[in-house]
Amino acid sequence: MKSLRIHPHLHDVFGEEQPPAYLLAILLFGVGVAAVFAFSSRPLVAGLSRWRAALALLLVLDIAAGCVANFTPSTNDFYAARPRNRWIFIAIHVHVIIVAALLGAGVGASVAVWAYTIAGAAVVNLLAGHAAQTFVGGLLLAAGLAGLPLLPGLTPAMTAVSALFMLKVLFSFAVDHYRPHPSKNG
């Protein structure tokens, strides 16, 4: 599959090159999720100033698109070669809290989602190079997803965004999906 070279300013998002079909899928998924979020949260979004609504939807788009982008070999390989960048990426991801704050709904639950996700991503990232990394990442993701419906204050749309945030940071990003693991025993 022919790939496009990615501008260096976008390497943190897409890696160094991506097939056009992957770029299109990433964009369409991100825009699609943001559109469904806007539609399903219409009463909440309609009451916001335009800049708050736009920023919230842009962050939802980023969360959704990142879920897909982080599974691509190019983005995975970019961060696998730069462990320090992976730690920075994990540390700066506060998107789910900002979306909740912009909407004025579910902030406490979003802080809980963020804390669990970042702690889980740190554990998974510490397992880089171990065969158990994918299993532990999947286990922590499954536990987090199972707990989402139990959190008070999350609207259905914010529950979906919280699930995507967990998937993006805890599993899609923190797990090195394309590197052979040196040990079969972990």
N, C-alpha and C. Protein backbone atom coordinates (compact mmCIF):
# COMPACT_ATOMS: atom_id res chain seq x y z
N MET A 1 0.85 -1.17 0.00
CA MET A 1 0.00 0.00 0.00
C MET A 1 0.90 1.24 0.00
N LYS A 2 0.67 2.14 -0.94
CA LYS A 2 1.46 3.36 -1.04
C LYS A 2 1.15 4.29 0.13
N SER A 3 2.19 4.88 0.69
CA SER A 3 2.02 5.78 1.83
C SER A 3 2.41 7.19 1.47
N LEU A 4 1.83 8.14 2.20
CA LEU A 4 2.17 9.55 2.05
C LEU A 4 3.12 9.95 3.17
N ARG A 5 4.11 10.74 2.84
CA ARG A 5 5.00 11.29 3.87
C ARG A 5 4.20 12.32 4.66
N ILE A 6 4.32 12.29 5.95
CA ILE A 6 3.59 13.20 6.84
C ILE A 6 4.52 14.36 7.21
N HIS A 7 3.96 15.57 7.22
CA HIS A 7 4.74 16.75 7.60
C HIS A 7 5.28 16.55 9.02
N PRO A 8 6.53 16.95 9.27
CA PRO A 8 7.14 16.73 10.60
C PRO A 8 6.31 17.27 11.77
N HIS A 9 5.56 18.35 11.57
CA HIS A 9 4.74 18.89 12.66
C HIS A 9 3.58 17.95 13.04
N LEU A 10 3.29 16.99 12.19
CA LEU A 10 2.19 16.05 12.45
C LEU A 10 2.67 14.64 12.77
N HIS A 11 3.98 14.46 12.94
CA HIS A 11 4.51 13.13 13.24
C HIS A 11 3.96 12.59 14.56
N ASP A 12 3.73 13.45 15.54
CA ASP A 12 3.19 13.00 16.82
C ASP A 12 1.77 12.47 16.69
N VAL A 13 1.09 12.86 15.64
CA VAL A 13 -0.29 12.43 15.43
C VAL A 13 -0.35 11.20 14.51
N PHE A 14 0.38 11.25 13.41
CA PHE A 14 0.26 10.22 12.37
C PHE A 14 1.53 9.40 12.13
N GLY A 15 2.61 9.70 12.82
CA GLY A 15 3.87 9.04 12.51
C GLY A 15 4.49 9.70 11.28
N GLU A 16 5.43 9.01 10.66
CA GLU A 16 6.18 9.61 9.56
C GLU A 16 5.54 9.42 8.20
N GLU A 17 4.71 8.38 8.03
CA GLU A 17 4.00 8.18 6.78
C GLU A 17 2.75 7.34 7.05
N GLN A 18 1.73 7.56 6.22
CA GLN A 18 0.48 6.83 6.37
C GLN A 18 -0.10 6.54 4.99
N PRO A 19 -0.72 5.40 4.82
CA PRO A 19 -1.48 5.16 3.58
C PRO A 19 -2.67 6.13 3.53
N PRO A 20 -2.99 6.65 2.35
CA PRO A 20 -4.13 7.57 2.24
C PRO A 20 -5.43 6.98 2.79
N ALA A 21 -5.64 5.69 2.61
CA ALA A 21 -6.86 5.07 3.13
C ALA A 21 -6.92 5.14 4.65
N TYR A 22 -5.78 5.01 5.31
CA TYR A 22 -5.75 5.11 6.77
C TYR A 22 -6.06 6.55 7.20
N LEU A 23 -5.46 7.52 6.51
CA LEU A 23 -5.72 8.92 6.84
C LEU A 23 -7.20 9.24 6.68
N LEU A 24 -7.81 8.75 5.61
CA LEU A 24 -9.22 8.98 5.38
C LEU A 24 -10.07 8.32 6.47
N ALA A 25 -9.73 7.09 6.83
CA ALA A 25 -10.48 6.39 7.88
C ALA A 25 -10.37 7.12 9.22
N ILE A 26 -9.18 7.59 9.53
CA ILE A 26 -8.96 8.33 10.79
C ILE A 26 -9.82 9.59 10.80
N LEU A 27 -9.78 10.35 9.71
CA LEU A 27 -10.53 11.59 9.62
C LEU A 27 -12.04 11.33 9.67
N LEU A 28 -12.51 10.37 8.89
CA LEU A 28 -13.94 10.08 8.86
C LEU A 28 -14.46 9.59 10.21
N PHE A 29 -13.68 8.75 10.88
CA PHE A 29 -14.11 8.27 12.19
C PHE A 29 -14.18 9.43 13.19
N GLY A 30 -13.15 10.26 13.21
CA GLY A 30 -13.13 11.40 14.13
C GLY A 30 -14.29 12.36 13.88
N VAL A 31 -14.51 12.72 12.63
CA VAL A 31 -15.61 13.63 12.29
C VAL A 31 -16.95 12.97 12.58
N GLY A 32 -17.07 11.69 12.24
CA GLY A 32 -18.33 10.98 12.49
C GLY A 32 -18.69 10.93 13.96
N VAL A 33 -17.72 10.60 14.80
CA VAL A 33 -17.99 10.55 16.25
C VAL A 33 -18.34 11.94 16.77
N ALA A 34 -17.62 12.96 16.35
CA ALA A 34 -17.92 14.33 16.79
C ALA A 34 -19.33 14.74 16.36
N ALA A 35 -19.73 14.37 15.15
CA ALA A 35 -21.07 14.70 14.66
C ALA A 35 -22.15 13.98 15.47
N VAL A 36 -21.95 12.70 15.73
CA VAL A 36 -22.92 11.95 16.54
C VAL A 36 -22.98 12.52 17.95
N PHE A 37 -21.83 12.89 18.50
CA PHE A 37 -21.79 13.50 19.84
C PHE A 37 -22.58 14.80 19.85
N ALA A 38 -22.35 15.65 18.84
CA ALA A 38 -23.07 16.93 18.76
C ALA A 38 -24.57 16.70 18.67
N PHE A 39 -24.98 15.74 17.84
CA PHE A 39 -26.40 15.46 17.66
C PHE A 39 -27.01 14.90 18.94
N SER A 40 -26.35 13.94 19.55
CA SER A 40 -26.92 13.29 20.74
C SER A 40 -26.86 14.19 21.97
N SER A 41 -25.99 15.17 21.96
CA SER A 41 -25.86 16.11 23.09
C SER A 41 -26.40 17.49 22.73
N ARG A 42 -27.25 17.55 21.74
CA ARG A 42 -27.74 18.82 21.21
C ARG A 42 -28.24 19.77 22.29
N PRO A 43 -29.08 19.33 23.25
CA PRO A 43 -29.54 20.30 24.26
C PRO A 43 -28.38 20.87 25.10
N LEU A 44 -27.42 20.03 25.41
CA LEU A 44 -26.27 20.47 26.21
C LEU A 44 -25.37 21.40 25.40
N VAL A 45 -25.08 21.02 24.16
CA VAL A 45 -24.18 21.80 23.30
C VAL A 45 -24.85 23.11 22.89
N ALA A 46 -26.15 23.09 22.65
CA ALA A 46 -26.87 24.30 22.20
C ALA A 46 -26.80 25.42 23.24
N GLY A 47 -26.71 25.09 24.49
CA GLY A 47 -26.66 26.09 25.54
C GLY A 47 -25.28 26.70 25.76
N LEU A 48 -24.30 26.25 25.01
CA LEU A 48 -22.93 26.74 25.20
C LEU A 48 -22.62 27.89 24.25
N SER A 49 -21.63 28.69 24.62
CA SER A 49 -21.13 29.68 23.66
C SER A 49 -20.50 28.93 22.50
N ARG A 50 -20.41 29.57 21.36
CA ARG A 50 -19.90 28.88 20.17
C ARG A 50 -18.47 28.38 20.36
N TRP A 51 -17.64 29.15 21.02
CA TRP A 51 -16.24 28.72 21.17
C TRP A 51 -16.16 27.49 22.07
N ARG A 52 -16.99 27.44 23.11
CA ARG A 52 -16.97 26.26 24.01
C ARG A 52 -17.46 25.03 23.28
N ALA A 53 -18.54 25.17 22.53
CA ALA A 53 -19.07 24.04 21.77
C ALA A 53 -18.06 23.57 20.74
N ALA A 54 -17.45 24.51 20.03
CA ALA A 54 -16.47 24.16 18.99
C ALA A 54 -15.27 23.45 19.59
N LEU A 55 -14.76 23.97 20.71
CA LEU A 55 -13.60 23.36 21.35
C LEU A 55 -13.94 21.96 21.87
N ALA A 56 -15.10 21.81 22.48
CA ALA A 56 -15.52 20.49 22.98
C ALA A 56 -15.60 19.49 21.83
N LEU A 57 -16.21 19.89 20.72
CA LEU A 57 -16.35 18.99 19.57
C LEU A 57 -15.00 18.69 18.93
N LEU A 58 -14.10 19.66 18.89
CA LEU A 58 -12.75 19.43 18.36
C LEU A 58 -12.00 18.41 19.22
N LEU A 59 -12.15 18.51 20.52
CA LEU A 59 -11.50 17.55 21.42
C LEU A 59 -12.11 16.16 21.30
N VAL A 60 -13.42 16.08 21.11
CA VAL A 60 -14.07 14.78 20.87
C VAL A 60 -13.53 14.19 19.58
N LEU A 61 -13.41 15.01 18.53
CA LEU A 61 -12.85 14.55 17.26
C LEU A 61 -11.43 14.02 17.48
N ASP A 62 -10.62 14.74 18.25
CA ASP A 62 -9.24 14.31 18.52
C ASP A 62 -9.20 12.98 19.27
N ILE A 63 -10.06 12.83 20.26
CA ILE A 63 -10.10 11.57 21.02
C ILE A 63 -10.44 10.42 20.08
N ALA A 64 -11.51 10.59 19.30
CA ALA A 64 -11.96 9.52 18.41
C ALA A 64 -10.93 9.21 17.33
N ALA A 65 -10.42 10.23 16.66
CA ALA A 65 -9.44 10.02 15.59
C ALA A 65 -8.17 9.39 16.15
N GLY A 66 -7.79 9.79 17.35
CA GLY A 66 -6.59 9.23 17.98
C GLY A 66 -6.71 7.74 18.26
N CYS A 67 -7.93 7.28 18.57
CA CYS A 67 -8.13 5.84 18.79
C CYS A 67 -7.66 5.06 17.58
N VAL A 68 -8.04 5.54 16.41
CA VAL A 68 -7.71 4.84 15.17
C VAL A 68 -6.26 5.10 14.78
N ALA A 69 -5.81 6.35 14.84
CA ALA A 69 -4.45 6.69 14.43
C ALA A 69 -3.41 5.93 15.25
N ASN A 70 -3.67 5.76 16.54
CA ASN A 70 -2.69 5.09 17.40
C ASN A 70 -2.55 3.60 17.11
N PHE A 71 -3.50 3.02 16.38
CA PHE A 71 -3.38 1.62 15.98
C PHE A 71 -2.60 1.44 14.69
N THR A 72 -2.28 2.52 13.99
CA THR A 72 -1.55 2.37 12.72
C THR A 72 -0.09 2.04 13.00
N PRO A 73 0.52 1.24 12.13
CA PRO A 73 1.93 0.92 12.32
C PRO A 73 2.83 2.16 12.37
N SER A 74 2.52 3.17 11.56
CA SER A 74 3.38 4.35 11.52
C SER A 74 3.38 5.11 12.84
N THR A 75 2.20 5.36 13.41
CA THR A 75 2.14 6.06 14.69
C THR A 75 2.74 5.20 15.79
N ASN A 76 2.42 3.92 15.79
CA ASN A 76 2.98 2.99 16.77
C ASN A 76 4.50 3.00 16.72
N ASP A 77 5.06 2.87 15.51
CA ASP A 77 6.52 2.81 15.36
C ASP A 77 7.19 4.12 15.73
N PHE A 78 6.52 5.24 15.44
CA PHE A 78 7.08 6.55 15.80
C PHE A 78 7.30 6.64 17.30
N TYR A 79 6.30 6.22 18.08
CA TYR A 79 6.43 6.28 19.54
C TYR A 79 7.27 5.15 20.11
N ALA A 80 7.28 3.99 19.47
CA ALA A 80 8.12 2.89 19.94
C ALA A 80 9.59 3.29 19.88
N ALA A 81 9.94 4.10 18.90
CA ALA A 81 11.32 4.57 18.75
C ALA A 81 11.62 5.76 19.66
N ARG A 82 10.60 6.33 20.30
CA ARG A 82 10.77 7.52 21.13
C ARG A 82 10.02 7.35 22.46
N PRO A 83 10.56 6.53 23.36
CA PRO A 83 9.85 6.26 24.63
C PRO A 83 9.56 7.52 25.44
N ARG A 84 10.45 8.49 25.41
CA ARG A 84 10.21 9.73 26.15
C ARG A 84 8.97 10.44 25.61
N ASN A 85 8.81 10.48 24.29
CA ASN A 85 7.63 11.11 23.69
C ASN A 85 6.35 10.39 24.12
N ARG A 86 6.43 9.07 24.26
CA ARG A 86 5.25 8.31 24.68
C ARG A 86 4.83 8.74 26.09
N TRP A 87 5.78 8.92 26.99
CA TRP A 87 5.46 9.38 28.34
C TRP A 87 4.84 10.78 28.31
N ILE A 88 5.39 11.66 27.49
CA ILE A 88 4.85 13.01 27.38
C ILE A 88 3.42 12.96 26.85
N PHE A 89 3.18 12.15 25.82
CA PHE A 89 1.85 12.01 25.24
C PHE A 89 0.86 11.56 26.30
N ILE A 90 1.23 10.57 27.09
CA ILE A 90 0.34 10.09 28.15
C ILE A 90 0.05 11.21 29.14
N ALA A 91 1.10 11.93 29.55
CA ALA A 91 0.95 12.97 30.57
C ALA A 91 0.07 14.14 30.13
N ILE A 92 0.09 14.48 28.87
CA ILE A 92 -0.65 15.67 28.43
C ILE A 92 -2.11 15.39 28.11
N HIS A 93 -2.54 14.16 28.16
CA HIS A 93 -3.91 13.84 27.76
C HIS A 93 -4.91 14.08 28.88
N VAL A 94 -5.47 15.27 28.87
CA VAL A 94 -6.51 15.66 29.82
C VAL A 94 -7.81 15.99 29.08
N HIS A 95 -7.88 15.58 27.83
CA HIS A 95 -9.00 15.93 26.95
C HIS A 95 -10.37 15.64 27.56
N VAL A 96 -10.53 14.47 28.16
CA VAL A 96 -11.84 14.07 28.66
C VAL A 96 -12.31 15.01 29.77
N ILE A 97 -11.40 15.50 30.58
CA ILE A 97 -11.76 16.45 31.63
C ILE A 97 -12.15 17.80 31.02
N ILE A 98 -11.41 18.23 30.03
CA ILE A 98 -11.71 19.51 29.39
C ILE A 98 -13.07 19.46 28.70
N VAL A 99 -13.37 18.36 28.01
CA VAL A 99 -14.68 18.23 27.36
C VAL A 99 -15.79 18.33 28.40
N ALA A 100 -15.67 17.61 29.49
CA ALA A 100 -16.69 17.65 30.55
C ALA A 100 -16.80 19.06 31.14
N ALA A 101 -15.68 19.72 31.37
CA ALA A 101 -15.70 21.08 31.92
C ALA A 101 -16.35 22.06 30.94
N LEU A 102 -16.03 21.92 29.66
CA LEU A 102 -16.65 22.80 28.66
C LEU A 102 -18.16 22.61 28.60
N LEU A 103 -18.61 21.36 28.73
CA LEU A 103 -20.04 21.05 28.70
C LEU A 103 -20.72 21.35 30.04
N GLY A 104 -19.91 21.41 31.11
CA GLY A 104 -20.47 21.63 32.44
C GLY A 104 -21.23 20.43 32.96
N ALA A 105 -20.78 19.23 32.58
CA ALA A 105 -21.48 18.02 32.99
C ALA A 105 -20.51 16.86 33.20
N GLY A 106 -20.66 16.15 34.30
CA GLY A 106 -19.87 14.95 34.53
C GLY A 106 -18.39 15.19 34.79
N VAL A 107 -18.05 16.34 35.35
CA VAL A 107 -16.63 16.65 35.56
C VAL A 107 -16.00 15.67 36.56
N GLY A 108 -16.67 15.40 37.66
CA GLY A 108 -16.12 14.47 38.66
C GLY A 108 -15.88 13.09 38.08
N ALA A 109 -16.85 12.59 37.33
CA ALA A 109 -16.70 11.27 36.70
C ALA A 109 -15.57 11.30 35.68
N SER A 110 -15.44 12.39 34.95
CA SER A 110 -14.38 12.51 33.95
C SER A 110 -13.00 12.55 34.60
N VAL A 111 -12.90 13.15 35.76
CA VAL A 111 -11.63 13.13 36.49
C VAL A 111 -11.29 11.70 36.89
N ALA A 112 -12.29 10.94 37.33
CA ALA A 112 -12.06 9.54 37.68
C ALA A 112 -11.62 8.73 36.47
N VAL A 113 -12.28 8.95 35.32
CA VAL A 113 -11.91 8.27 34.07
C VAL A 113 -10.48 8.63 33.70
N TRP A 114 -10.15 9.90 33.77
CA TRP A 114 -8.80 10.36 33.43
C TRP A 114 -7.77 9.71 34.35
N ALA A 115 -7.99 9.76 35.66
CA ALA A 115 -7.02 9.21 36.62
C ALA A 115 -6.79 7.72 36.37
N TYR A 116 -7.87 6.97 36.19
CA TYR A 116 -7.74 5.53 35.93
C TYR A 116 -6.97 5.30 34.62
N THR A 117 -7.33 6.04 33.59
CA THR A 117 -6.71 5.86 32.28
C THR A 117 -5.22 6.18 32.32
N ILE A 118 -4.85 7.27 32.93
CA ILE A 118 -3.44 7.66 32.98
C ILE A 118 -2.64 6.69 33.84
N ALA A 119 -3.19 6.28 34.98
CA ALA A 119 -2.49 5.30 35.82
C ALA A 119 -2.33 3.98 35.08
N GLY A 120 -3.39 3.53 34.42
CA GLY A 120 -3.32 2.29 33.65
C GLY A 120 -2.33 2.39 32.50
N ALA A 121 -2.34 3.52 31.79
CA ALA A 121 -1.40 3.70 30.68
C ALA A 121 0.04 3.71 31.17
N ALA A 122 0.28 4.27 32.34
CA ALA A 122 1.63 4.27 32.90
C ALA A 122 2.08 2.84 33.20
N VAL A 123 1.20 2.04 33.80
CA VAL A 123 1.53 0.64 34.08
C VAL A 123 1.84 -0.10 32.77
N VAL A 124 0.97 0.07 31.78
CA VAL A 124 1.15 -0.61 30.50
C VAL A 124 2.44 -0.14 29.82
N ASN A 125 2.72 1.13 29.88
CA ASN A 125 3.94 1.65 29.26
C ASN A 125 5.19 1.12 29.96
N LEU A 126 5.11 0.91 31.25
CA LEU A 126 6.25 0.33 31.97
C LEU A 126 6.53 -1.10 31.53
N LEU A 127 5.55 -1.76 30.94
CA LEU A 127 5.71 -3.14 30.47
C LEU A 127 6.20 -3.21 29.02
N ALA A 128 6.62 -2.09 28.46
CA ALA A 128 7.12 -2.08 27.08
C ALA A 128 8.20 -3.15 26.91
N GLY A 129 8.07 -3.94 25.86
CA GLY A 129 9.03 -4.99 25.58
C GLY A 129 8.71 -6.32 26.23
N HIS A 130 7.71 -6.36 27.08
CA HIS A 130 7.31 -7.61 27.74
C HIS A 130 6.09 -8.20 27.04
N ALA A 131 6.05 -9.51 26.97
CA ALA A 131 4.94 -10.19 26.32
C ALA A 131 3.61 -9.91 27.01
N ALA A 132 3.63 -9.59 28.28
CA ALA A 132 2.41 -9.35 29.04
C ALA A 132 1.79 -7.99 28.77
N GLN A 133 2.48 -7.12 28.05
CA GLN A 133 1.99 -5.75 27.85
C GLN A 133 0.59 -5.72 27.23
N THR A 134 0.38 -6.44 26.16
CA THR A 134 -0.93 -6.43 25.48
C THR A 134 -2.01 -6.99 26.39
N PHE A 135 -1.72 -8.09 27.08
CA PHE A 135 -2.70 -8.68 27.99
C PHE A 135 -3.08 -7.71 29.10
N VAL A 136 -2.08 -7.11 29.75
CA VAL A 136 -2.35 -6.18 30.85
C VAL A 136 -3.12 -4.97 30.33
N GLY A 137 -2.73 -4.45 29.17
CA GLY A 137 -3.46 -3.34 28.58
C GLY A 137 -4.91 -3.70 28.31
N GLY A 138 -5.14 -4.88 27.76
CA GLY A 138 -6.51 -5.33 27.50
C GLY A 138 -7.31 -5.54 28.77
N LEU A 139 -6.67 -6.10 29.78
CA LEU A 139 -7.33 -6.32 31.07
C LEU A 139 -7.74 -4.99 31.71
N LEU A 140 -6.81 -4.04 31.74
CA LEU A 140 -7.11 -2.74 32.35
C LEU A 140 -8.17 -1.99 31.55
N LEU A 141 -8.13 -2.11 30.23
CA LEU A 141 -9.16 -1.48 29.40
C LEU A 141 -10.52 -2.11 29.70
N ALA A 142 -10.59 -3.43 29.73
CA ALA A 142 -11.86 -4.11 30.00
C ALA A 142 -12.41 -3.73 31.38
N ALA A 143 -11.56 -3.65 32.38
CA ALA A 143 -12.01 -3.27 33.72
C ALA A 143 -12.53 -1.84 33.72
N GLY A 144 -11.83 -0.96 33.05
CA GLY A 144 -12.27 0.43 32.98
C GLY A 144 -13.59 0.57 32.25
N LEU A 145 -13.73 -0.12 31.13
CA LEU A 145 -14.98 -0.06 30.38
C LEU A 145 -16.15 -0.61 31.20
N ALA A 146 -15.89 -1.67 31.95
CA ALA A 146 -16.94 -2.25 32.79
C ALA A 146 -17.38 -1.28 33.88
N GLY A 147 -16.48 -0.45 34.34
CA GLY A 147 -16.81 0.51 35.39
C GLY A 147 -17.48 1.78 34.91
N LEU A 148 -17.37 2.10 33.64
CA LEU A 148 -17.93 3.37 33.14
C LEU A 148 -19.42 3.55 33.45
N PRO A 149 -20.25 2.56 33.19
CA PRO A 149 -21.69 2.78 33.47
C PRO A 149 -22.01 2.99 34.95
N LEU A 150 -21.08 2.67 35.81
CA LEU A 150 -21.30 2.83 37.25
C LEU A 150 -20.98 4.23 37.76
N LEU A 151 -20.35 5.04 36.91
CA LEU A 151 -19.97 6.39 37.33
C LEU A 151 -21.17 7.34 37.24
N PRO A 152 -21.45 8.04 38.33
CA PRO A 152 -22.57 8.98 38.30
C PRO A 152 -22.21 10.24 37.51
N GLY A 153 -23.19 10.79 36.84
CA GLY A 153 -22.99 12.08 36.18
C GLY A 153 -22.56 12.03 34.73
N LEU A 154 -22.32 10.82 34.19
CA LEU A 154 -21.93 10.74 32.78
C LEU A 154 -23.17 10.57 31.91
N THR A 155 -23.33 11.46 30.95
CA THR A 155 -24.40 11.30 29.96
C THR A 155 -24.01 10.14 29.05
N PRO A 156 -24.94 9.58 28.30
CA PRO A 156 -24.56 8.52 27.36
C PRO A 156 -23.46 8.97 26.39
N ALA A 157 -23.53 10.19 25.90
CA ALA A 157 -22.51 10.68 24.98
C ALA A 157 -21.15 10.78 25.67
N MET A 158 -21.12 11.27 26.91
CA MET A 158 -19.85 11.36 27.63
C MET A 158 -19.35 9.97 28.04
N THR A 159 -20.24 9.02 28.23
CA THR A 159 -19.81 7.65 28.49
C THR A 159 -19.08 7.11 27.26
N ALA A 160 -19.63 7.37 26.09
CA ALA A 160 -18.98 6.92 24.85
C ALA A 160 -17.62 7.61 24.66
N VAL A 161 -17.56 8.90 24.89
CA VAL A 161 -16.30 9.63 24.75
C VAL A 161 -15.28 9.14 25.78
N SER A 162 -15.74 8.86 26.99
CA SER A 162 -14.85 8.33 28.03
C SER A 162 -14.30 6.97 27.64
N ALA A 163 -15.15 6.14 27.05
CA ALA A 163 -14.69 4.82 26.58
C ALA A 163 -13.65 4.98 25.48
N LEU A 164 -13.90 5.89 24.55
CA LEU A 164 -12.92 6.13 23.48
C LEU A 164 -11.61 6.69 24.04
N PHE A 165 -11.71 7.56 25.06
CA PHE A 165 -10.51 8.10 25.70
C PHE A 165 -9.68 6.97 26.32
N MET A 166 -10.35 6.07 27.03
CA MET A 166 -9.64 4.92 27.61
C MET A 166 -8.99 4.08 26.52
N LEU A 167 -9.76 3.79 25.48
CA LEU A 167 -9.21 2.99 24.38
C LEU A 167 -8.01 3.68 23.76
N LYS A 168 -8.13 4.97 23.52
CA LYS A 168 -7.06 5.73 22.87
C LYS A 168 -5.77 5.70 23.69
N VAL A 169 -5.85 6.09 24.94
CA VAL A 169 -4.64 6.28 25.74
C VAL A 169 -4.15 4.99 26.38
N LEU A 170 -5.05 4.21 26.94
CA LEU A 170 -4.68 3.02 27.73
C LEU A 170 -4.29 1.84 26.86
N PHE A 171 -4.95 1.66 25.72
CA PHE A 171 -4.66 0.48 24.91
C PHE A 171 -4.11 0.82 23.53
N SER A 172 -4.81 1.66 22.80
CA SER A 172 -4.39 1.99 21.45
C SER A 172 -3.00 2.62 21.45
N PHE A 173 -2.74 3.51 22.41
CA PHE A 173 -1.47 4.21 22.45
C PHE A 173 -0.42 3.53 23.33
N ALA A 174 -0.76 3.15 24.54
CA ALA A 174 0.25 2.67 25.50
C ALA A 174 0.83 1.32 25.12
N VAL A 175 0.09 0.51 24.37
CA VAL A 175 0.59 -0.80 23.95
C VAL A 175 1.36 -0.67 22.65
N ASP A 176 2.54 -1.27 22.61
CA ASP A 176 3.32 -1.34 21.37
C ASP A 176 2.80 -2.53 20.59
N HIS A 177 1.96 -2.27 19.61
CA HIS A 177 1.23 -3.33 18.91
C HIS A 177 2.04 -4.08 17.86
N TYR A 178 3.13 -3.51 17.37
CA TYR A 178 3.79 -4.09 16.20
C TYR A 178 5.22 -4.53 16.44
N ARG A 179 5.69 -4.54 17.64
CA ARG A 179 7.06 -4.96 17.94
C ARG A 179 7.04 -6.39 18.47
N PRO A 180 7.97 -7.21 18.01
CA PRO A 180 8.06 -8.55 18.60
C PRO A 180 8.53 -8.44 20.06
N HIS A 181 8.00 -9.26 20.88
CA HIS A 181 8.38 -9.23 22.31
C HIS A 181 9.51 -10.23 22.53
N PRO A 182 10.53 -9.82 23.30
CA PRO A 182 11.70 -10.67 23.48
C PRO A 182 11.46 -11.93 24.27
N SER A 183 10.43 -11.94 25.09
CA SER A 183 10.18 -13.08 25.96
C SER A 183 8.77 -13.60 25.78
N LYS A 184 8.62 -14.88 25.60
CA LYS A 184 7.28 -15.45 25.50
C LYS A 184 6.63 -15.58 26.87
N ASN A 185 7.40 -15.50 27.93
CA ASN A 185 6.87 -15.68 29.27
C ASN A 185 6.54 -14.37 29.97
N GLY A 186 6.88 -13.23 29.37
CA GLY A 186 6.55 -11.93 29.95
C GLY A 186 7.52 -11.53 31.00
